[in-house]
Amino acid sequence: MKKILTVLIIVSVSILVLIPASASDATYQLRSNVYDNTDPSTTTGNFYWDANSFPGFWYQISPGLSSEVLYFHNNVNSSSTFQLGDKVVEGDLYYVSKPQVKTRKIGGSDAAATYIVDGVDLEKYYLMGLFGSQYLAMPEDPATVSAGCQPDKIAKLLMEQKSDDKKQMFSGEEWELAGGWSLVAQQIDVEGNKVWVELKKNGEAIDSDVISTAEDLTRPQRTYLYKDNDDYPVFYCYVDSIFRGTTSDFVVFKYAFLMDDINTIENGDTYGVFDVTGFEVPAVMNATNYAGSGSGTVLKTGDDALVMSSNDDIILNPDETIDLCDSIYLKTEDTKGSCLKMTLQKTCTITVPDKVVGENAVKEDAIEDEAKDVVVIDMAEEETKSLSFAPKETVYSTNVESEDNYTVESSVKTPGFESLLGALGIIAALRFKKKA
């Protein structure tokens, strides 16, 4: 009996280690700082939220890049603050995203002022946010990135190796990249310092080339590039070195980059309560200094930017939730008189998979940025253009409090311990039977 009891104890411990404990999905709200017209620090006239005041907007803490602004043009009380019950007339609520230029990982690896491969400038690229998600904005001229960008042509960044990342591949090996893309090191010639690479998508060969790693070549000459018909770089990687192994030769790649298909945004496209009205910063927002540490975070009339404006009147009544776009909404508090308190919020849902307790690591799925159980007022009468190409975000912690005047509220149910209670019940029953 003692032997049976020992086995049951071992089984019960194994159950605790291997059986996953279920947990419900978690929802949380990202909230901006509070617009309070009774606060003496609240300025009169126009008002805006940016990435400093609303964490739902895109922000790169290094080197301090942001691009998004939600701008209220005060066309009613320009000499005062917004009041409870005020009407933000059609066209006076702006959403603006100004692309920011940044050095590519591969561009920063070379001391030269340019990094040109097959007529394409790989020194820098443009990044921008679209309702909180990061995108690439295509340059006006792929051969000269400094010539400006096109905020109407955007693509998701699928992958970009960090500066210290390396990928070692043996001859014939295939590297699964992202989005169905893969890279194959078809053959390696150690004696000739060459590698034959083949780029595939969904198993079909798209492009191939032979790249040399001869010491007298520049870094751009040792870079493999695949570009589309408009010369935009879709994939590239730097061939760092080639080695002879004991059983097979291998090659080392660095700075691999891959972007998704390009999406075109057109004038008149509708996103929630916004219509696309242009691709240059309007005069009403000139000299607006928004979040970020770079010189590019000052809006100037005529700057390249994605500009949207409201397609209907918005009345700032108390205790209302107004859906703007892509799970971002405006929330007004239930106040009296002319006191107006409002916040910008974003509701997200974390799909939490079953967790494994014990030696196995706890894993969390990606967040789906979609609102749940939120009662909203839909201000858009026209059909809304879907943001189906928007990337998902990943969050690894909840119940976070910040000192930057915004909050993160979370709700997660604690996993049960039914397996433990069941095992203990079996042990107790066997002990009772033994005494009887």
Protein backbone atom coordinates (compact mmCIF):
# COMPACT_ATOMS: atom_id res chain seq x y z
CA MET A 1 0.00 0.00 0.00
CA LYS A 2 2.87 2.32 0.82
CA LYS A 3 4.30 1.66 -2.64
CA ILE A 4 0.96 2.52 -4.30
CA LEU A 5 0.74 5.70 -2.25
CA THR A 6 4.23 6.71 -3.36
CA VAL A 7 3.32 6.16 -7.02
CA LEU A 8 0.18 8.26 -6.62
CA ILE A 9 2.15 11.10 -5.07
CA ILE A 10 4.59 11.02 -8.02
CA VAL A 11 1.66 10.99 -10.46
CA SER A 12 0.02 13.92 -8.68
CA VAL A 13 3.25 15.95 -8.86
CA SER A 14 3.55 15.10 -12.57
CA ILE A 15 0.02 16.35 -13.11
CA LEU A 16 0.97 19.68 -11.53
CA VAL A 17 4.00 19.96 -13.81
CA LEU A 18 2.48 18.84 -17.11
CA ILE A 19 -1.25 19.61 -17.11
CA PRO A 20 -1.99 23.11 -18.29
CA ALA A 21 -4.22 25.32 -16.14
CA SER A 22 -6.72 27.32 -18.12
CA ALA A 23 -6.94 31.11 -17.91
CA SER A 24 -9.45 33.47 -19.48
CA ASP A 25 -8.62 36.19 -21.98
CA ALA A 26 -7.42 39.45 -20.47
CA THR A 27 -8.67 42.87 -21.51
CA TYR A 28 -6.98 46.15 -20.73
CA GLN A 29 -7.36 49.82 -21.56
CA LEU A 30 -4.61 52.23 -22.51
CA ARG A 31 -5.61 55.70 -21.35
CA SER A 32 -4.21 59.13 -22.14
CA ASN A 33 -3.76 61.96 -19.72
CA VAL A 34 -6.98 63.79 -18.82
CA TYR A 35 -8.15 66.89 -20.65
CA ASP A 36 -9.66 68.98 -17.83
CA ASN A 37 -10.75 72.50 -18.75
CA THR A 38 -10.92 73.46 -15.07
CA ASP A 39 -7.21 72.75 -14.60
CA PRO A 40 -5.23 76.04 -14.72
CA SER A 41 -2.50 74.31 -16.73
CA THR A 42 -4.91 73.48 -19.57
CA THR A 43 -4.15 75.84 -22.45
CA THR A 44 -6.80 77.68 -24.41
CA GLY A 45 -7.51 77.20 -28.09
CA ASN A 46 -6.38 74.09 -29.92
CA PHE A 47 -5.48 70.84 -28.15
CA TYR A 48 -3.79 67.57 -29.12
CA TRP A 49 -2.69 64.19 -27.79
CA ASP A 50 0.58 62.63 -28.97
CA ALA A 51 2.71 59.61 -27.99
CA ASN A 52 3.89 61.37 -24.82
CA SER A 53 0.34 61.81 -23.56
CA PHE A 54 -1.25 58.67 -25.08
CA PRO A 55 0.62 55.32 -24.96
CA GLY A 56 -1.63 53.84 -27.65
CA PHE A 57 0.33 55.73 -30.30
CA TRP A 58 3.54 54.39 -31.87
CA TYR A 59 6.76 55.41 -30.17
CA GLN A 60 10.36 54.22 -30.42
CA ILE A 61 12.09 55.08 -27.18
CA SER A 62 15.44 54.87 -28.94
CA PRO A 63 16.13 57.19 -30.67
CA GLY A 64 12.90 58.86 -29.48
CA LEU A 65 10.74 58.68 -32.62
CA SER A 66 7.00 59.25 -32.84
CA SER A 67 4.70 60.32 -35.65
CA GLU A 68 1.04 60.43 -34.55
CA VAL A 69 -1.05 63.38 -33.37
CA LEU A 70 -4.79 63.60 -32.64
CA TYR A 71 -5.50 67.32 -33.02
CA PHE A 72 -8.63 69.23 -31.93
CA HIS A 73 -8.99 72.51 -33.80
CA ASN A 74 -10.92 74.86 -31.52
CA ASN A 75 -13.09 76.67 -34.02
CA VAL A 76 -15.82 77.52 -31.45
CA ASN A 77 -14.02 78.87 -28.38
CA SER A 78 -10.62 79.76 -29.82
CA SER A 79 -9.93 82.17 -26.96
CA SER A 80 -11.02 79.61 -24.35
CA THR A 81 -10.80 75.91 -23.62
CA PHE A 82 -13.19 73.29 -24.92
CA GLN A 83 -16.41 73.26 -22.87
CA LEU A 84 -18.82 70.47 -22.04
CA GLY A 85 -21.38 70.27 -24.83
CA ASP A 86 -19.14 71.92 -27.43
CA LYS A 87 -19.41 70.72 -31.01
CA VAL A 88 -16.24 69.75 -32.84
CA VAL A 89 -17.55 70.42 -36.31
CA GLU A 90 -16.85 68.19 -39.28
CA GLY A 91 -13.24 68.50 -40.38
CA ASP A 92 -11.94 70.03 -37.12
CA LEU A 93 -10.68 66.79 -35.55
CA TYR A 94 -7.42 65.78 -37.25
CA TYR A 95 -5.38 62.60 -37.19
CA VAL A 96 -1.88 63.21 -38.57
CA SER A 97 1.04 60.79 -38.89
CA LYS A 98 4.37 62.19 -40.05
CA PRO A 99 6.98 59.56 -41.14
CA GLN A 100 10.33 59.73 -39.37
CA VAL A 101 13.66 58.92 -40.98
CA LYS A 102 15.93 56.40 -39.24
CA THR A 103 19.23 54.69 -40.08
CA ARG A 104 18.82 51.07 -41.10
CA LYS A 105 20.74 48.42 -39.18
CA ILE A 106 22.75 47.62 -42.32
CA GLY A 107 23.28 51.33 -43.03
CA GLY A 108 24.75 51.88 -39.58
CA SER A 109 27.25 49.04 -40.13
CA ASP A 110 29.28 51.01 -42.66
CA ALA A 111 31.27 54.20 -42.11
CA ALA A 112 30.44 55.46 -45.59
CA ALA A 113 27.82 58.18 -46.00
CA THR A 114 25.75 55.99 -48.32
CA TYR A 115 24.92 52.30 -48.68
CA ILE A 116 23.90 51.81 -52.31
CA VAL A 117 23.13 48.32 -53.66
CA ASP A 118 21.99 47.93 -57.27
CA GLY A 119 20.89 51.57 -57.35
CA VAL A 120 18.89 51.34 -54.11
CA ASP A 121 19.78 53.45 -51.06
CA LEU A 122 19.86 51.22 -47.95
CA GLU A 123 21.33 53.83 -45.62
CA LYS A 124 18.03 54.97 -44.07
CA TYR A 125 14.28 54.35 -44.13
CA TYR A 126 11.05 56.03 -43.03
CA LEU A 127 8.95 54.71 -40.14
CA MET A 128 5.49 55.87 -39.07
CA GLY A 129 2.61 54.85 -36.86
CA LEU A 130 -0.91 54.12 -38.06
CA PHE A 131 -3.32 54.10 -35.11
CA GLY A 132 -0.54 52.75 -32.92
CA SER A 133 1.04 50.17 -35.26
CA GLN A 134 4.43 50.59 -36.93
CA TYR A 135 4.82 50.81 -40.71
CA LEU A 136 7.43 51.65 -43.31
CA ALA A 137 6.69 54.60 -45.60
CA MET A 138 8.14 54.29 -49.09
CA PRO A 139 10.73 56.88 -50.22
CA GLU A 140 9.98 59.21 -53.10
CA ASP A 141 13.14 57.98 -54.82
CA PRO A 142 14.56 54.58 -53.75
CA ALA A 143 17.97 55.73 -54.98
CA THR A 144 17.99 58.81 -52.71
CA VAL A 145 16.10 58.38 -49.46
CA SER A 146 16.80 61.96 -48.39
CA ALA A 147 14.55 63.16 -51.23
CA GLY A 148 11.47 62.55 -49.06
CA CYS A 149 8.83 59.88 -48.58
CA GLN A 150 5.36 58.85 -49.66
CA PRO A 151 3.06 58.45 -46.62
CA ASP A 152 0.37 57.07 -48.95
CA LYS A 153 2.47 53.95 -49.66
CA ILE A 154 3.11 51.90 -46.52
CA ALA A 155 4.17 48.36 -45.68
CA LYS A 156 4.58 46.27 -42.57
CA LEU A 157 8.12 45.45 -41.44
CA LEU A 158 8.21 41.66 -41.24
CA MET A 159 11.74 41.27 -39.89
CA GLU A 160 15.04 43.08 -39.37
CA GLN A 161 18.01 41.46 -37.65
CA LYS A 162 19.58 43.39 -34.81
CA SER A 163 23.11 44.69 -35.26
CA ASP A 164 24.64 41.80 -33.30
CA ASP A 165 22.42 39.03 -34.75
CA LYS A 166 23.96 36.37 -36.99
CA LYS A 167 22.42 33.53 -39.00
CA GLN A 168 24.66 30.52 -39.75
CA MET A 169 23.50 28.31 -42.62
CA PHE A 170 24.95 25.11 -44.06
CA SER A 171 24.99 24.35 -47.77
CA GLY A 172 21.46 23.46 -48.90
CA GLU A 173 19.82 24.77 -45.72
CA GLU A 174 16.60 26.84 -45.88
CA TRP A 175 15.92 29.75 -43.52
CA GLU A 176 12.25 30.38 -42.78
CA LEU A 177 11.92 34.18 -42.61
CA ALA A 178 8.34 35.49 -42.21
CA GLY A 179 5.14 35.85 -44.21
CA GLY A 180 5.88 32.71 -46.25
CA TRP A 181 9.32 33.96 -47.33
CA SER A 182 12.47 31.84 -47.00
CA LEU A 183 16.14 32.02 -48.00
CA VAL A 184 18.12 29.02 -49.24
CA ALA A 185 21.91 28.74 -49.27
CA GLN A 186 21.94 26.55 -52.37
CA GLN A 187 25.70 26.15 -52.75
CA ILE A 188 28.78 27.43 -50.95
CA ASP A 189 32.15 27.82 -52.66
CA VAL A 190 34.75 28.19 -49.92
CA GLU A 191 37.67 28.38 -52.33
CA GLY A 192 36.02 31.14 -54.37
CA ASN A 193 34.47 32.89 -51.35
CA LYS A 194 31.03 32.74 -52.95
CA VAL A 195 27.53 31.64 -51.99
CA TRP A 196 24.57 30.98 -54.26
CA VAL A 197 21.40 32.17 -52.52
CA GLU A 198 17.80 31.63 -53.56
CA LEU A 199 14.81 33.59 -52.26
CA LYS A 200 11.43 31.83 -52.07
CA LYS A 201 7.87 32.76 -51.23
CA ASN A 202 5.40 30.05 -50.30
CA GLY A 203 7.86 27.48 -51.61
CA GLU A 204 8.23 29.08 -55.04
CA ALA A 205 11.60 30.46 -56.18
CA ILE A 206 11.37 34.24 -56.64
CA ASP A 207 15.00 35.30 -57.15
CA SER A 208 18.57 34.03 -56.87
CA ASP A 209 22.09 35.44 -57.04
CA VAL A 210 25.72 34.62 -56.36
CA ILE A 211 27.36 36.84 -53.72
CA SER A 212 31.09 37.06 -53.11
CA THR A 213 32.79 37.73 -49.77
CA ALA A 214 36.17 38.66 -51.20
CA GLU A 215 38.08 40.95 -48.84
CA ASP A 216 38.61 43.64 -51.49
CA LEU A 217 34.84 44.16 -51.88
CA THR A 218 32.85 46.85 -50.09
CA ARG A 219 29.97 46.02 -47.76
CA PRO A 220 27.33 46.99 -50.36
CA GLN A 221 29.04 44.66 -52.87
CA ARG A 222 28.70 41.80 -50.35
CA THR A 223 24.98 42.46 -49.88
CA TYR A 224 22.23 40.44 -51.53
CA LEU A 225 19.18 42.53 -52.49
CA TYR A 226 15.80 41.65 -53.91
CA LYS A 227 13.69 44.65 -54.97
CA ASP A 228 10.24 44.98 -56.50
CA ASN A 229 9.37 46.48 -59.88
CA ASP A 230 9.46 49.98 -58.40
CA ASP A 231 12.95 49.45 -56.91
CA TYR A 232 11.68 49.30 -53.32
CA PRO A 233 13.85 46.88 -51.27
CA VAL A 234 11.76 43.84 -50.29
CA PHE A 235 14.58 41.70 -48.85
CA TYR A 236 18.29 42.11 -48.31
CA CYS A 237 21.05 40.56 -46.21
CA TYR A 238 24.80 40.99 -45.80
CA VAL A 239 27.08 37.98 -46.41
CA ASP A 240 29.45 38.25 -43.48
CA SER A 241 31.71 35.22 -43.96
CA ILE A 242 32.07 31.72 -45.39
CA PHE A 243 33.70 28.77 -43.57
CA ARG A 244 34.68 25.19 -44.24
CA GLY A 245 33.19 22.85 -41.66
CA THR A 246 34.17 19.28 -40.78
CA THR A 247 31.27 17.79 -42.74
CA SER A 248 29.72 20.75 -44.55
CA ASP A 249 30.56 24.30 -45.48
CA PHE A 250 28.55 27.14 -43.99
CA VAL A 251 27.85 30.84 -44.48
CA VAL A 252 27.02 33.61 -41.99
CA PHE A 253 24.39 36.25 -42.81
CA LYS A 254 23.76 39.55 -40.99
CA TYR A 255 21.38 42.54 -41.17
CA ALA A 256 18.59 40.58 -42.88
CA PHE A 257 15.55 42.74 -43.66
CA LEU A 258 12.12 41.82 -45.04
CA MET A 259 9.00 43.90 -45.65
CA ASP A 260 5.44 42.94 -46.56
CA ASP A 261 3.40 43.99 -49.58
CA ILE A 262 2.90 47.72 -50.08
CA ASN A 263 -0.57 49.13 -49.30
CA THR A 264 -1.70 52.33 -51.01
CA ILE A 265 -3.82 54.89 -49.14
CA GLU A 266 -5.90 57.21 -51.29
CA ASN A 267 -7.61 60.54 -50.77
CA GLY A 268 -11.16 59.96 -49.61
CA ASP A 269 -10.46 56.61 -47.94
CA THR A 270 -12.43 56.28 -44.70
CA TYR A 271 -10.98 55.05 -41.42
CA GLY A 272 -13.63 55.14 -38.70
CA VAL A 273 -14.69 58.79 -38.17
CA PHE A 274 -11.84 60.02 -40.39
CA ASP A 275 -11.51 60.61 -44.11
CA VAL A 276 -8.09 60.90 -45.74
CA THR A 277 -7.80 64.54 -46.81
CA GLY A 278 -4.19 64.79 -47.97
CA PHE A 279 -0.54 63.94 -47.52
CA GLU A 280 0.90 67.24 -46.32
CA VAL A 281 0.68 68.89 -42.88
CA PRO A 282 -2.10 71.54 -42.98
CA ALA A 283 -1.41 75.16 -42.04
CA VAL A 284 -3.61 74.93 -38.93
CA MET A 285 -1.05 72.57 -37.34
CA ASN A 286 2.07 74.47 -38.28
CA ALA A 287 4.79 74.57 -35.54
CA THR A 288 3.07 71.91 -33.41
CA ASN A 289 5.84 70.33 -31.32
CA TYR A 290 4.81 66.79 -30.52
CA ALA A 291 6.34 63.74 -28.80
CA GLY A 292 9.93 62.78 -29.50
CA SER A 293 13.47 63.99 -29.07
CA GLY A 294 14.43 64.58 -32.69
CA SER A 295 14.15 67.73 -34.79
CA GLY A 296 11.61 65.95 -37.00
CA THR A 297 8.95 66.07 -34.30
CA VAL A 298 7.81 69.59 -35.15
CA LEU A 299 5.02 69.78 -37.71
CA LYS A 300 5.56 72.28 -40.49
CA THR A 301 3.11 73.24 -43.19
CA GLY A 302 3.76 71.12 -46.28
CA ASP A 303 5.69 68.32 -44.51
CA ASP A 304 5.08 64.82 -45.86
CA ALA A 305 2.42 63.27 -43.61
CA LEU A 306 -0.74 61.19 -43.69
CA VAL A 307 -3.60 63.60 -42.87
CA MET A 308 -7.16 62.63 -41.95
CA SER A 309 -10.01 64.78 -40.67
CA SER A 310 -13.38 64.00 -39.08
CA ASN A 311 -16.24 63.27 -41.47
CA ASP A 312 -19.04 64.32 -39.07
CA ASP A 313 -19.75 66.63 -36.15
CA ILE A 314 -18.67 65.37 -32.72
CA ILE A 315 -20.51 66.75 -29.70
CA LEU A 316 -18.65 66.59 -26.39
CA ASN A 317 -21.62 65.52 -24.26
CA PRO A 318 -21.04 64.01 -20.79
CA ASP A 319 -20.52 60.29 -20.22
CA GLU A 320 -20.14 59.21 -23.83
CA THR A 321 -17.78 56.84 -25.60
CA ILE A 322 -17.11 57.85 -29.20
CA ASP A 323 -15.44 55.29 -31.44
CA LEU A 324 -12.73 56.91 -33.54
CA CYS A 325 -10.89 54.10 -35.32
CA ASP A 326 -9.22 50.74 -34.72
CA SER A 327 -10.21 50.32 -31.04
CA ILE A 328 -9.27 53.93 -30.22
CA TYR A 329 -12.10 55.96 -28.72
CA LEU A 330 -12.85 59.23 -26.98
CA LYS A 331 -14.35 59.02 -23.47
CA THR A 332 -16.02 61.96 -21.73
CA GLU A 333 -16.79 61.93 -18.01
CA ASP A 334 -20.18 62.55 -16.43
CA THR A 335 -19.72 66.11 -15.18
CA LYS A 336 -21.97 69.13 -14.75
CA GLY A 337 -21.93 72.73 -15.86
CA SER A 338 -19.23 73.55 -18.40
CA CYS A 339 -16.63 71.25 -16.81
CA LEU A 340 -15.21 68.99 -19.52
CA LYS A 341 -13.05 65.99 -18.68
CA MET A 342 -12.14 63.61 -21.46
CA THR A 343 -9.53 60.98 -22.27
CA LEU A 344 -8.33 59.08 -25.32
CA GLN A 345 -8.46 55.32 -24.76
CA LYS A 346 -7.66 52.09 -26.51
CA THR A 347 -9.12 48.71 -25.52
CA CYS A 348 -7.06 45.60 -26.25
CA THR A 349 -7.57 41.89 -25.67
CA ILE A 350 -4.77 39.47 -24.83
CA THR A 351 -5.45 35.92 -26.00
CA VAL A 352 -3.86 33.98 -23.15
CA PRO A 353 -3.13 30.33 -24.04
CA ASP A 354 -3.16 27.53 -21.50
CA LYS A 355 -0.22 27.88 -19.15
CA VAL A 356 2.04 25.02 -18.18
CA VAL A 357 3.14 25.05 -14.53
CA GLY A 358 6.55 23.80 -13.50
CA GLU A 359 9.66 23.41 -15.56
CA ASN A 360 8.00 24.47 -18.80
CA ALA A 361 8.04 28.20 -19.51
CA VAL A 362 4.82 30.18 -19.48
CA LYS A 363 4.05 31.45 -22.95
CA GLU A 364 1.71 34.25 -24.03
CA ASP A 365 0.16 34.75 -27.45
CA ALA A 366 0.10 37.99 -29.36
CA ILE A 367 -2.38 40.69 -28.49
CA GLU A 368 -5.30 41.29 -30.78
CA ASP A 369 -6.01 45.01 -30.78
CA GLU A 370 -9.75 44.85 -30.79
CA ALA A 371 -12.29 46.31 -28.38
CA LYS A 372 -14.61 44.05 -26.37
CA ASP A 373 -17.71 45.00 -24.41
CA VAL A 374 -17.30 48.69 -25.21
CA VAL A 375 -20.46 50.70 -25.91
CA VAL A 376 -19.58 53.28 -28.55
CA ILE A 377 -21.21 55.96 -30.66
CA ASP A 378 -20.35 55.33 -34.32
CA MET A 379 -19.81 58.77 -35.84
CA ALA A 380 -18.95 57.42 -39.31
CA GLU A 381 -21.92 57.11 -41.70
CA GLU A 382 -19.85 55.90 -44.62
CA GLU A 383 -18.37 52.46 -44.93
CA THR A 384 -15.16 52.23 -42.92
CA LYS A 385 -11.98 51.15 -44.67
CA SER A 386 -10.60 48.08 -42.93
CA LEU A 387 -7.19 48.13 -41.27
CA SER A 388 -6.72 44.44 -41.97
CA PHE A 389 -3.08 45.03 -42.85
CA ALA A 390 -2.34 46.43 -39.37
CA PRO A 391 0.26 44.38 -37.45
CA LYS A 392 -0.50 42.90 -34.05
CA GLU A 393 1.34 43.99 -30.97
CA THR A 394 2.78 41.89 -28.20
CA VAL A 395 2.57 42.71 -24.53
CA TYR A 396 4.19 40.62 -21.84
CA SER A 397 2.82 42.29 -18.73
CA THR A 398 -0.40 43.77 -17.40
CA ASN A 399 -1.53 45.59 -14.29
CA VAL A 400 1.02 48.31 -14.95
CA GLU A 401 0.91 51.76 -13.43
CA SER A 402 2.81 54.66 -14.91
CA GLU A 403 3.90 58.02 -13.59
CA ASP A 404 3.20 59.63 -16.98
CA ASN A 405 -0.43 60.40 -16.12
CA TYR A 406 -1.95 57.44 -17.90
CA THR A 407 -3.06 54.05 -16.67
CA VAL A 408 -3.21 50.46 -17.80
CA GLU A 409 -6.15 48.54 -16.41
CA SER A 410 -6.22 44.76 -16.66
CA SER A 411 -8.54 41.85 -15.89
CA VAL A 412 -7.24 38.27 -15.76
CA LYS A 413 -8.86 35.28 -14.05
CA THR A 414 -6.54 33.13 -11.93
CA PRO A 415 -6.06 29.59 -13.24
CA GLY A 416 -7.67 26.84 -11.15
CA PHE A 417 -5.95 24.04 -9.26
CA GLU A 418 -8.48 21.26 -9.97
CA SER A 419 -5.74 18.75 -10.83
CA LEU A 420 -4.06 19.24 -7.45
CA LEU A 421 -7.31 18.86 -5.51
CA GLY A 422 -8.19 15.71 -7.46
CA ALA A 423 -4.82 14.09 -6.73
CA LEU A 424 -5.03 14.95 -3.02
CA GLY A 425 -8.54 13.47 -2.90
CA ILE A 426 -7.28 10.15 -4.26
CA ILE A 427 -4.49 10.03 -1.68
CA ALA A 428 -6.89 10.81 1.15
CA ALA A 429 -9.28 8.06 0.04
CA LEU A 430 -6.54 5.45 -0.05
CA ARG A 431 -5.38 6.42 3.44
CA PHE A 432 -8.94 6.12 4.78
CA LYS A 433 -9.30 2.66 3.17
CA LYS A 434 -6.03 1.51 4.75
CA LYS A 435 -7.18 2.56 8.27
CA ALA A 436 -10.52 0.83 7.75
